[in-house]
């Protein structure tokens, strides 16, 4: 292990133990991490975890040693958090999720960002692919029950989808191929007239979809920019994009 990695472990990254690993759909694992520092975390739904999945592996380049994942759920009293990691990309993170084992030590750091739950609206539209599902789930669970929530979550096969941490399936799932902007816009046209009061849309996942739908809401639907919240989790032409 190199000097930089030793410094990261000792001075920068927190430590947790992988205490549970369950396959929850055809391509997704639920990973539970437990650590003392989780109990003291100042957490807002929407925070990410940067995992040092390649720490200690000299066969992985430094830029590939860290991946970011949405926090699906957190229990600060018990000191654990849950991640949902999809493995269909076959990338470094996917390989880690497939091969990791209960008892493994994991090094991590929080990433707060701006893609956070916002309860100021009356109605919400949540749009995302499989990579965004756990992130949208935690938003939905942390909105007041009197809010109107519409949704469009997609993947190329129905066996990819998984239930929320509480066993519910509150979203509308669609079987769509990659980058399905036209099909999504068709559904948006059916949903948005039903949305009442002050509205917010969350768009997450494929960066191409995020860009196109951001333009659509701003230019075609004339929504205010601060009501359109986007987060590209990945890009097919790049590595390591959240």
Protein backbone atom coordinates (compact mmCIF):
# COMPACT_ATOMS: atom_id res chain seq x y z
CA UNK A 1 0.00 0.00 0.00
CA UNK A 2 1.35 3.41 -1.00
CA UNK A 3 2.08 6.41 1.19
CA UNK A 4 -0.93 8.36 -0.13
CA UNK A 5 -3.29 5.50 0.72
CA UNK A 6 -1.87 5.22 4.23
CA UNK A 7 -2.44 8.95 4.75
CA UNK A 8 -5.99 8.65 3.42
CA UNK A 9 -6.80 5.80 5.81
CA UNK A 10 -5.30 7.42 8.89
CA UNK A 11 -6.15 11.09 8.43
CA UNK A 12 -8.95 11.51 5.87
CA UNK A 13 -11.24 8.49 5.66
CA UNK A 14 -13.57 7.02 8.27
CA UNK A 15 -13.77 3.29 8.83
CA UNK A 16 -16.76 0.94 8.84
CA UNK A 17 -17.41 -2.80 8.80
CA UNK A 18 -19.60 -4.48 6.21
CA UNK A 19 -22.17 -6.28 8.36
CA UNK A 20 -24.81 -7.33 5.81
CA UNK A 21 -24.93 -8.11 2.10
CA UNK A 22 -28.16 -9.20 0.38
CA UNK A 23 -29.02 -9.50 -3.31
CA UNK A 24 -32.31 -7.63 -3.63
CA UNK A 25 -32.90 -7.78 -7.39
CA UNK A 26 -31.35 -9.30 -10.50
CA UNK A 27 -28.50 -6.79 -10.50
CA UNK A 28 -28.57 -4.95 -7.15
CA UNK A 29 -27.01 -5.70 -3.76
CA UNK A 30 -28.00 -4.14 -0.46
CA UNK A 31 -24.82 -3.34 1.49
CA UNK A 32 -24.98 -2.39 5.19
CA UNK A 33 -22.01 -0.64 6.80
CA UNK A 34 -21.57 -0.09 10.53
CA UNK A 35 -19.13 2.30 12.19
CA UNK A 36 -18.79 4.49 15.26
CA UNK A 37 -18.60 7.74 13.30
CA UNK A 38 -21.99 7.06 11.65
CA UNK A 39 -23.66 7.70 15.01
CA UNK A 40 -22.35 11.27 15.04
CA UNK A 41 -23.02 12.12 11.40
CA UNK A 42 -24.96 15.31 10.66
CA UNK A 43 -27.04 13.66 7.94
CA UNK A 44 -29.47 15.11 5.39
CA UNK A 45 -31.30 12.79 2.96
CA UNK A 46 -29.44 13.05 -0.33
CA UNK A 47 -25.90 12.73 1.02
CA UNK A 48 -23.49 10.42 -0.78
CA UNK A 49 -20.81 8.13 0.55
CA UNK A 50 -17.42 8.06 -1.15
CA UNK A 51 -16.14 4.51 -0.75
CA UNK A 52 -12.46 3.69 -1.00
CA UNK A 53 -13.22 0.39 -2.68
CA UNK A 54 -9.70 -0.01 -4.05
CA UNK A 55 -7.74 0.94 -0.96
CA UNK A 56 -4.96 -1.61 -0.57
CA UNK A 57 -5.29 -3.00 -4.11
CA UNK A 58 -2.17 -2.07 -6.06
CA UNK A 59 -3.69 -3.42 -9.29
CA UNK A 60 -6.23 -0.57 -9.40
CA UNK A 61 -5.22 2.91 -10.56
CA UNK A 62 -5.60 5.66 -7.96
CA UNK A 63 -8.45 7.37 -9.85
CA UNK A 64 -10.45 4.14 -9.73
CA UNK A 65 -10.04 3.53 -6.01
CA UNK A 66 -12.99 5.74 -4.96
CA UNK A 67 -16.65 5.47 -5.99
CA UNK A 68 -19.66 7.44 -4.73
CA UNK A 69 -22.99 5.89 -3.73
CA UNK A 70 -26.27 7.29 -2.46
CA UNK A 71 -27.12 6.60 1.16
CA UNK A 72 -30.36 4.64 0.95
CA UNK A 73 -31.06 4.60 4.69
CA UNK A 74 -29.30 5.43 7.95
CA UNK A 75 -29.80 4.43 11.59
CA UNK A 76 -27.65 6.75 13.67
CA UNK A 77 -28.68 5.13 16.96
CA UNK A 78 -27.35 1.74 15.85
CA UNK A 79 -24.55 3.32 13.84
CA UNK A 80 -25.22 1.78 10.43
CA UNK A 81 -26.24 2.86 6.93
CA UNK A 82 -27.48 1.05 3.84
CA UNK A 83 -26.42 1.33 0.20
CA UNK A 84 -28.01 -0.20 -2.91
CA UNK A 85 -25.34 -0.93 -5.51
CA UNK A 86 -26.21 -1.99 -9.06
CA UNK A 87 -23.80 -4.37 -10.77
CA UNK A 88 -24.93 -4.31 -14.41
CA UNK A 89 -22.18 -1.87 -15.48
CA UNK A 90 -19.43 -4.40 -14.71
CA UNK A 91 -17.18 -1.55 -13.59
CA UNK A 92 -14.86 -1.32 -10.58
CA UNK A 93 -17.75 -0.56 -8.21
CA UNK A 94 -19.83 -3.41 -9.60
CA UNK A 95 -16.98 -5.85 -9.14
CA UNK A 96 -16.50 -4.69 -5.57
CA UNK A 97 -20.20 -5.14 -4.78
CA UNK A 98 -20.16 -8.67 -6.18
CA UNK A 99 -16.98 -9.74 -4.41
CA UNK A 100 -17.15 -7.94 -1.05
CA UNK A 101 -17.91 -10.01 2.04
CA UNK A 102 -19.46 -9.56 5.47
CA UNK A 103 -16.67 -8.64 7.85
CA UNK A 104 -14.72 -6.57 5.33
CA UNK A 105 -13.35 -3.21 6.49
CA UNK A 106 -14.50 -0.29 4.33
CA UNK A 107 -13.03 3.21 4.21
CA UNK A 108 -15.27 6.13 3.34
CA UNK A 109 -15.86 9.87 3.36
CA UNK A 110 -19.10 11.85 3.19
CA UNK A 111 -20.06 13.92 0.16
CA UNK A 112 -22.91 16.30 0.87
CA UNK A 113 -23.60 18.05 -2.45
CA UNK A 114 -26.76 19.94 -3.38
CA UNK A 115 -29.05 17.13 -4.55
CA UNK A 116 -30.91 17.01 -1.24
CA UNK A 117 -34.47 16.55 -0.05
CA UNK A 118 -36.49 19.78 -0.22
CA UNK A 119 -39.92 19.83 1.44
CA UNK A 120 -40.89 23.34 0.29
CA UNK A 121 -43.08 22.24 -2.66
CA UNK A 122 -46.63 20.91 -2.78
CA UNK A 123 -46.03 18.30 -5.48
CA UNK A 124 -43.01 16.37 -6.75
CA UNK A 125 -42.00 14.43 -9.83
CA UNK A 126 -39.15 11.94 -9.39
CA UNK A 127 -37.41 10.66 -12.52
CA UNK A 128 -34.45 8.32 -12.61
CA UNK A 129 -32.90 5.06 -13.72
CA UNK A 130 -31.84 2.13 -11.54
CA UNK A 131 -28.74 3.98 -10.29
CA UNK A 132 -30.97 6.67 -8.79
CA UNK A 133 -33.68 4.49 -7.26
CA UNK A 134 -32.36 4.35 -3.68
CA UNK A 135 -31.70 8.11 -3.75
CA UNK A 136 -35.27 8.84 -4.83
CA UNK A 137 -36.58 6.37 -2.25
CA UNK A 138 -34.95 8.22 0.64
CA UNK A 139 -36.33 11.52 -0.69
CA UNK A 140 -39.83 10.06 -0.82
CA UNK A 141 -39.64 8.63 2.72
CA UNK A 142 -38.50 11.98 4.10
CA UNK A 143 -41.20 14.13 2.56
CA UNK A 144 -44.31 14.91 4.61
CA UNK A 145 -47.15 12.48 3.85
CA UNK A 146 -49.40 15.30 2.61
CA UNK A 147 -47.14 15.94 -0.41
CA UNK A 148 -48.16 14.79 -3.88
CA UNK A 149 -45.46 12.54 -5.37
CA UNK A 150 -45.43 11.40 -9.00
CA UNK A 151 -42.70 9.19 -10.42
CA UNK A 152 -41.05 7.58 -13.41
CA UNK A 153 -38.26 5.10 -12.66
CA UNK A 154 -36.91 3.02 -15.53
CA UNK A 155 -34.61 0.14 -16.39
CA UNK A 156 -34.30 -2.18 -19.37
CA UNK A 157 -35.70 -5.14 -17.42
CA UNK A 158 -38.26 -5.39 -14.64
CA UNK A 159 -36.15 -7.81 -12.59
CA UNK A 160 -33.76 -4.92 -11.81
CA UNK A 161 -36.24 -3.06 -9.63
CA UNK A 162 -36.24 -3.47 -5.86
CA UNK A 163 -38.48 -2.51 -2.95
CA UNK A 164 -37.71 0.39 -0.66
CA UNK A 165 -36.07 -0.32 2.68
CA UNK A 166 -39.51 -0.54 4.35
CA UNK A 167 -40.80 -3.10 1.83
CA UNK A 168 -42.93 -0.63 -0.15
CA UNK A 169 -42.89 0.11 -3.89
CA UNK A 170 -44.24 3.66 -4.08
CA UNK A 171 -42.94 4.49 -7.57
CA UNK A 172 -44.14 3.75 -11.09
CA UNK A 173 -41.63 1.50 -12.87
CA UNK A 174 -41.10 1.42 -16.64
CA UNK A 175 -39.12 -0.98 -18.83
CA UNK A 176 -37.16 1.34 -21.13
CA UNK A 177 -33.88 1.08 -22.99
CA UNK A 178 -30.90 3.36 -22.32
CA UNK A 179 -31.25 7.12 -22.88
CA UNK A 180 -35.06 6.98 -23.44
CA UNK A 181 -35.70 10.75 -23.46
CA UNK A 182 -38.60 10.69 -25.95
CA UNK A 183 -40.44 7.98 -24.01
CA UNK A 184 -39.90 9.86 -20.73
CA UNK A 185 -41.15 13.14 -22.19
CA UNK A 186 -44.32 11.36 -23.33
CA UNK A 187 -45.02 10.28 -19.74
CA UNK A 188 -44.09 13.72 -18.36
CA UNK A 189 -46.77 15.26 -20.57
CA UNK A 190 -49.33 13.00 -18.90
CA UNK A 191 -48.10 13.63 -15.35
CA UNK A 192 -47.37 17.36 -15.08
CA UNK A 193 -50.96 18.57 -15.66
CA UNK A 194 -51.95 16.58 -12.54
CA UNK A 195 -49.37 18.26 -10.34
CA UNK A 196 -50.77 20.98 -8.10
CA UNK A 197 -49.38 24.03 -6.32
CA UNK A 198 -45.66 24.67 -6.08
CA UNK A 199 -43.83 21.92 -8.03
CA UNK A 200 -40.34 20.37 -7.94
CA UNK A 201 -38.85 17.76 -10.27
CA UNK A 202 -35.90 15.53 -9.32
CA UNK A 203 -34.00 14.05 -12.28
CA UNK A 204 -31.12 11.64 -11.63
CA UNK A 205 -29.05 8.91 -13.25
CA UNK A 206 -27.83 8.92 -16.86
CA UNK A 207 -26.17 12.30 -17.54
CA UNK A 208 -27.62 12.43 -21.07
CA UNK A 209 -31.16 12.14 -19.71
CA UNK A 210 -30.45 14.73 -17.02
CA UNK A 211 -29.27 17.28 -19.59
CA UNK A 212 -32.13 16.73 -22.04
CA UNK A 213 -34.87 16.79 -19.42
CA UNK A 214 -33.40 19.87 -17.75
CA UNK A 215 -33.70 21.65 -21.09
CA UNK A 216 -37.23 20.33 -21.59
CA UNK A 217 -38.51 21.55 -18.23
CA UNK A 218 -36.84 24.95 -18.61
CA UNK A 219 -37.53 25.66 -22.28
CA UNK A 220 -40.70 23.73 -23.09
CA UNK A 221 -42.55 23.72 -19.78
CA UNK A 222 -41.11 27.05 -18.56
CA UNK A 223 -40.37 25.80 -15.05
CA UNK A 224 -38.20 27.94 -12.82
CA UNK A 225 -34.59 26.76 -12.71
CA UNK A 226 -34.59 26.30 -8.92
CA UNK A 227 -37.52 23.88 -9.23
CA UNK A 228 -35.56 21.56 -11.55
CA UNK A 229 -33.08 19.53 -9.53
CA UNK A 230 -30.75 17.26 -11.49
CA UNK A 231 -27.90 14.92 -10.58
CA UNK A 232 -25.96 12.90 -13.18
CA UNK A 233 -24.82 9.72 -11.45
CA UNK A 234 -23.02 8.29 -14.48
CA UNK A 235 -22.05 8.85 -18.10
CA UNK A 236 -21.48 6.00 -20.59
CA UNK A 237 -18.37 7.72 -21.92
CA UNK A 238 -16.72 8.45 -18.58
CA UNK A 239 -15.48 6.56 -15.54
CA UNK A 240 -16.20 7.52 -11.97
CA UNK A 241 -18.98 10.05 -12.66
CA UNK A 242 -21.58 9.95 -9.88
